[in-house]
Amino acid sequence: MGNVAASAGCNVAPPATPPERLTVDGLKRNIITAIPASYTAETPHALVIAFHGRTNSNAQARGYFFLEDAIKNTLFVYPSGLRSGDSFTWSNTGDSADTLRDYALFDEIVRVMAATYCLDANRIFVTGHSLGAWFANSLACARGDVIRGVATLAGGISASPCRGSAAAMILHNPEDNLVPISQGEAARETFLEVNGASHQSVPMPSEPLKSFRCQWHSDNGNVNPVVWCPHNFSTRWDGSYYPHVWPESMGQAVAYFFGVLR
């Protein structure tokens, strides 16, 4: 997937205001769209779609993901899950792994952004935290023919028969008491199998992945590697113990991983 695939939105004047709502299955869905100041309709851009967790909104996740400072010249969309009581969801109860409700939301985001902005359709990425990580991992299996890479923290996977394959970076703290590391390991094993990656790995010797204790698993040709990172970041920014935390340097790790995928 090293070739550039310019979308229909290239060489088209962008809207004065980025999209804030989409209609999916008859429901109005809120999104936050961030367009870099450097945007030009003549240059295909990467797209990153970032999914929040069960208890934080998309606006809150945007604030602590630290993606936009780390990943330059890139378009970002932060979708909002649907409310269910005091929490958010990306699926309906009883959905099968290959028909999770908000796969349709992802499809619509990609369709609208590709028609409205100049995208490189070969550089569509997803990321997420906690429940958002579970959804992003599941999505990267179900839409592996669209997604170039996925990078998640503290999530599992609902694996369906995967469509294509996406490069994957899975980060999980072994001490996480909200999402057991066994769920992250299940996501790792799914991507190792789908991508045909080796169970043998090499440690990442340089930052930012060295700090996350990342191990690099190559596939044939190293096109869709799987990176497994059993990190030990366990404190919030105020110093309190919270092994489910999204570390401040996570944005740099995501930027590095997406940046090496060609």
Protein backbone atom coordinates (compact mmCIF):
# COMPACT_ATOMS: atom_id res chain seq x y z
CA MET A 1 0.00 0.00 0.00
CA GLY A 2 2.88 2.33 -0.67
CA ASN A 3 1.21 4.13 -3.57
CA VAL A 4 -0.77 7.32 -3.06
CA ALA A 5 -4.49 6.96 -3.75
CA ALA A 6 -5.93 10.47 -4.09
CA SER A 7 -9.58 10.78 -3.10
CA ALA A 8 -12.39 12.58 -4.96
CA GLY A 9 -11.97 15.58 -2.67
CA CYS A 10 -8.57 16.46 -4.13
CA ASN A 11 -8.44 19.73 -6.05
CA VAL A 12 -11.84 20.69 -4.62
CA ALA A 13 -12.29 23.73 -2.38
CA PRO A 14 -12.95 22.52 1.19
CA PRO A 15 -16.01 23.67 3.14
CA ALA A 16 -15.71 26.82 5.25
CA THR A 17 -16.63 24.76 8.33
CA PRO A 18 -15.47 21.16 8.87
CA PRO A 19 -18.22 18.55 9.23
CA GLU A 20 -19.73 18.37 12.72
CA ARG A 21 -22.62 15.91 12.19
CA LEU A 22 -23.34 12.90 10.04
CA THR A 23 -26.52 10.90 9.57
CA VAL A 24 -26.08 7.17 9.98
CA ASP A 25 -29.02 4.77 9.96
CA GLY A 26 -31.34 7.71 10.52
CA LEU A 27 -29.46 9.03 13.56
CA LYS A 28 -27.56 12.30 13.81
CA ARG A 29 -24.02 11.54 14.94
CA ASN A 30 -21.67 14.18 16.28
CA ILE A 31 -18.02 14.30 15.23
CA ILE A 32 -15.11 16.66 15.81
CA THR A 33 -13.10 17.27 12.66
CA ALA A 34 -9.64 18.85 12.93
CA ILE A 35 -8.06 20.19 9.75
CA PRO A 36 -4.41 21.32 9.96
CA ALA A 37 -3.53 24.90 9.03
CA SER A 38 -1.19 23.46 6.39
CA TYR A 39 -4.05 21.75 4.54
CA THR A 40 -4.12 22.13 0.77
CA ALA A 41 -6.57 20.47 -1.60
CA GLU A 42 -3.72 19.61 -3.98
CA THR A 43 -1.96 17.23 -1.56
CA PRO A 44 -3.41 13.88 -0.42
CA HIS A 45 -3.41 13.72 3.39
CA ALA A 46 -3.54 10.88 5.88
CA LEU A 47 -6.72 10.51 7.95
CA VAL A 48 -6.73 9.44 11.61
CA ILE A 49 -10.03 8.47 13.24
CA ALA A 50 -9.77 8.35 17.03
CA PHE A 51 -12.29 6.57 19.27
CA HIS A 52 -12.90 7.53 22.90
CA GLY A 53 -13.61 5.17 25.77
CA ARG A 54 -16.73 4.28 27.71
CA THR A 55 -16.77 7.25 30.09
CA ASN A 56 -14.98 10.09 28.26
CA SER A 57 -16.48 12.14 25.44
CA ASN A 58 -14.80 12.70 22.10
CA ALA A 59 -13.89 16.23 23.18
CA GLN A 60 -12.25 14.93 26.37
CA ALA A 61 -10.38 12.23 24.44
CA ARG A 62 -9.15 14.77 21.92
CA GLY A 63 -7.72 16.75 24.82
CA TYR A 64 -5.66 13.91 26.29
CA PHE A 65 -4.78 11.88 23.20
CA PHE A 66 -2.12 14.47 22.20
CA LEU A 67 -2.37 13.35 18.58
CA GLU A 68 -2.54 16.61 16.69
CA ASP A 69 0.73 17.96 18.07
CA ALA A 70 2.48 14.68 17.29
CA ILE A 71 1.13 13.84 13.82
CA LYS A 72 1.58 16.67 11.34
CA ASN A 73 -0.19 17.44 8.04
CA THR A 74 -2.95 14.98 8.90
CA LEU A 75 -6.75 15.17 9.10
CA PHE A 76 -8.39 14.00 12.33
CA VAL A 77 -11.92 12.90 13.14
CA TYR A 78 -13.08 12.22 16.70
CA PRO A 79 -16.48 10.50 16.54
CA SER A 80 -18.89 10.41 19.45
CA GLY A 81 -20.35 7.13 20.61
CA LEU A 82 -24.02 6.93 21.53
CA ARG A 83 -25.06 7.49 25.12
CA SER A 84 -26.27 4.57 27.20
CA GLY A 85 -27.00 5.81 30.70
CA ASP A 86 -23.83 7.38 32.06
CA SER A 87 -21.55 5.82 29.46
CA PHE A 88 -20.99 5.64 25.71
CA THR A 89 -21.27 2.70 23.33
CA TRP A 90 -20.01 1.79 19.85
CA SER A 91 -22.35 -1.17 19.40
CA ASN A 92 -25.76 -2.50 20.30
CA THR A 93 -26.31 -5.40 22.65
CA GLY A 94 -26.30 -8.59 20.63
CA ASP A 95 -24.33 -7.26 17.67
CA SER A 96 -22.12 -9.88 16.07
CA ALA A 97 -18.41 -9.14 15.65
CA ASP A 98 -18.81 -8.52 11.93
CA THR A 99 -21.85 -6.23 12.27
CA LEU A 100 -21.04 -3.91 15.17
CA ARG A 101 -23.37 -0.90 14.91
CA ASP A 102 -20.75 1.77 14.41
CA TYR A 103 -18.87 0.12 11.59
CA ALA A 104 -21.45 2.06 9.58
CA LEU A 105 -20.35 5.28 11.30
CA PHE A 106 -16.75 4.61 10.28
CA ASP A 107 -17.84 3.92 6.70
CA GLU A 108 -19.73 7.20 6.55
CA ILE A 109 -16.84 9.18 8.03
CA VAL A 110 -14.50 7.80 5.38
CA ARG A 111 -17.00 8.46 2.60
CA VAL A 112 -17.67 12.07 3.65
CA MET A 113 -14.04 12.94 4.34
CA ALA A 114 -12.85 11.42 1.05
CA ALA A 115 -15.44 13.41 -0.90
CA THR A 116 -14.84 16.65 1.01
CA TYR A 117 -11.07 16.69 1.51
CA CYS A 118 -7.98 15.51 -0.31
CA LEU A 119 -7.20 12.15 1.31
CA ASP A 120 -4.71 9.45 0.57
CA ALA A 121 -7.04 6.46 0.70
CA ASN A 122 -4.02 4.24 1.40
CA ARG A 123 -3.29 6.10 4.64
CA ILE A 124 -6.42 5.76 6.74
CA PHE A 125 -5.62 4.99 10.38
CA VAL A 126 -7.62 4.31 13.54
CA THR A 127 -6.72 4.59 17.19
CA GLY A 128 -8.53 4.36 20.50
CA HIS A 129 -8.42 3.92 24.26
CA SER A 130 -10.22 1.36 26.41
CA LEU A 131 -13.66 0.70 24.88
CA GLY A 132 -12.53 2.81 21.94
CA ALA A 133 -9.47 0.57 21.63
CA TRP A 134 -11.69 -2.51 21.55
CA PHE A 135 -13.77 -0.91 18.81
CA ALA A 136 -10.74 0.27 16.80
CA ASN A 137 -9.15 -3.20 17.00
CA SER A 138 -12.40 -4.85 15.93
CA LEU A 139 -12.81 -2.31 13.14
CA ALA A 140 -9.27 -2.93 11.86
CA CYS A 141 -10.25 -6.55 11.38
CA ALA A 142 -13.68 -5.91 9.85
CA ARG A 143 -12.36 -3.09 7.64
CA GLY A 144 -8.80 -4.26 7.14
CA ASP A 145 -9.18 -3.65 3.43
CA VAL A 146 -9.62 0.09 4.13
CA ILE A 147 -7.53 0.71 7.25
CA ARG A 148 -3.75 0.93 6.85
CA GLY A 149 -2.92 0.72 10.53
CA VAL A 150 -4.38 0.62 14.02
CA ALA A 151 -2.74 1.75 17.27
CA THR A 152 -4.60 1.18 20.54
CA LEU A 153 -4.16 1.20 24.27
CA ALA A 154 -5.95 -0.98 26.83
CA GLY A 155 -8.46 -2.70 24.58
CA GLY A 156 -9.53 -6.14 23.46
CA ILE A 157 -11.12 -7.25 20.19
CA SER A 158 -14.26 -8.82 18.79
CA ALA A 159 -12.64 -10.60 15.89
CA SER A 160 -14.72 -11.38 12.83
CA PRO A 161 -13.57 -12.97 9.57
CA CYS A 162 -11.12 -10.18 8.72
CA ARG A 163 -11.36 -8.29 5.44
CA GLY A 164 -7.77 -7.74 4.41
CA SER A 165 -5.13 -6.93 6.99
CA ALA A 166 -3.96 -3.82 8.80
CA ALA A 167 -0.69 -3.15 10.58
CA ALA A 168 -1.28 -3.12 14.33
CA MET A 169 0.33 -1.67 17.44
CA ILE A 170 -1.25 -2.92 20.67
CA LEU A 171 -0.25 -1.33 23.99
CA HIS A 172 -1.42 -2.74 27.32
CA ASN A 173 -0.27 -2.43 30.91
CA PRO A 174 -0.01 -5.85 32.61
CA GLU A 175 -1.28 -4.20 35.82
CA ASP A 176 -4.44 -2.82 34.18
CA ASN A 177 -7.32 -3.72 36.49
CA LEU A 178 -10.09 -2.38 34.23
CA VAL A 179 -9.24 -4.24 31.01
CA PRO A 180 -7.18 -7.39 31.72
CA ILE A 181 -4.04 -7.80 29.65
CA SER A 182 -5.46 -11.08 28.34
CA GLN A 183 -7.78 -8.98 26.18
CA GLY A 184 -4.85 -7.10 24.67
CA GLU A 185 -3.08 -10.41 24.10
CA ALA A 186 -6.15 -11.70 22.25
CA ALA A 187 -5.99 -8.67 19.94
CA ARG A 188 -2.27 -9.27 19.39
CA GLU A 189 -2.83 -12.92 18.51
CA THR A 190 -5.62 -12.01 16.08
CA PHE A 191 -3.41 -9.61 14.17
CA LEU A 192 -0.42 -11.96 14.23
CA GLU A 193 -2.54 -14.64 12.58
CA VAL A 194 -4.33 -12.40 10.09
CA ASN A 195 -1.15 -10.59 9.05
CA GLY A 196 0.95 -13.72 8.88
CA ALA A 197 3.43 -12.15 11.29
CA SER A 198 6.08 -14.12 13.12
CA HIS A 199 5.70 -14.95 16.81
CA GLN A 200 9.40 -14.16 17.08
CA SER A 201 10.00 -10.48 17.79
CA VAL A 202 12.73 -7.93 18.27
CA PRO A 203 12.69 -5.15 20.89
CA MET A 204 12.43 -1.58 19.67
CA PRO A 205 15.80 -0.02 20.61
CA SER A 206 14.89 3.65 20.23
CA GLU A 207 12.26 6.09 21.40
CA PRO A 208 9.38 6.57 21.53
CA LEU A 209 8.60 2.83 21.41
CA LYS A 210 11.47 1.78 23.67
CA SER A 211 9.78 3.39 26.69
CA PHE A 212 6.66 1.31 26.03
CA ARG A 213 8.74 -1.92 25.97
CA CYS A 214 7.54 -2.63 22.43
CA GLN A 215 8.35 -5.81 20.53
CA TRP A 216 8.21 -5.74 16.71
CA HIS A 217 6.75 -8.77 14.91
CA SER A 218 7.45 -8.70 11.17
CA ASP A 219 5.22 -10.16 8.52
CA ASN A 220 6.47 -11.28 5.12
CA GLY A 221 8.00 -8.12 3.70
CA ASN A 222 7.31 -6.14 6.88
CA VAL A 223 4.30 -4.49 5.24
CA ASN A 224 1.80 -5.18 8.04
CA PRO A 225 3.87 -5.64 11.20
CA VAL A 226 2.36 -6.28 14.62
CA VAL A 227 3.88 -4.35 17.52
CA TRP A 228 3.15 -5.55 21.05
CA CYS A 229 3.89 -3.16 23.92
CA PRO A 230 3.34 -4.41 27.52
CA HIS A 231 4.17 -1.00 28.98
CA ASN A 232 4.53 0.00 32.63
CA PHE A 233 3.12 3.54 32.64
CA SER A 234 0.89 3.44 35.72
CA THR A 235 0.36 6.98 36.98
CA ARG A 236 -1.83 9.88 35.99
CA TRP A 237 -0.34 13.30 35.39
CA ASP A 238 -1.19 14.19 39.03
CA GLY A 239 0.89 11.25 40.26
CA SER A 240 -2.02 8.98 41.25
CA TYR A 241 -1.83 5.27 40.45
CA TYR A 242 -3.92 4.38 37.38
CA PRO A 243 -2.51 1.64 35.14
CA HIS A 244 -5.34 2.19 32.65
CA VAL A 245 -3.95 5.64 31.85
CA TRP A 246 -3.22 7.00 28.35
CA PRO A 247 0.38 8.21 28.86
CA GLU A 248 1.33 11.68 27.68
CA SER A 249 3.92 10.19 25.32
CA MET A 250 1.34 7.91 23.69
CA GLY A 251 0.69 10.44 20.94
CA GLN A 252 4.35 10.32 19.93
CA ALA A 253 4.25 6.51 19.86
CA VAL A 254 1.19 6.53 17.59
CA ALA A 255 2.84 9.12 15.34
CA TYR A 256 5.98 7.00 15.04
CA PHE A 257 4.10 3.84 14.16
CA PHE A 258 1.82 5.40 11.59
CA GLY A 259 4.79 7.27 10.14
CA VAL A 260 6.82 4.14 9.36
CA LEU A 261 3.96 2.45 7.50
CA ARG A 262 4.25 2.90 3.75
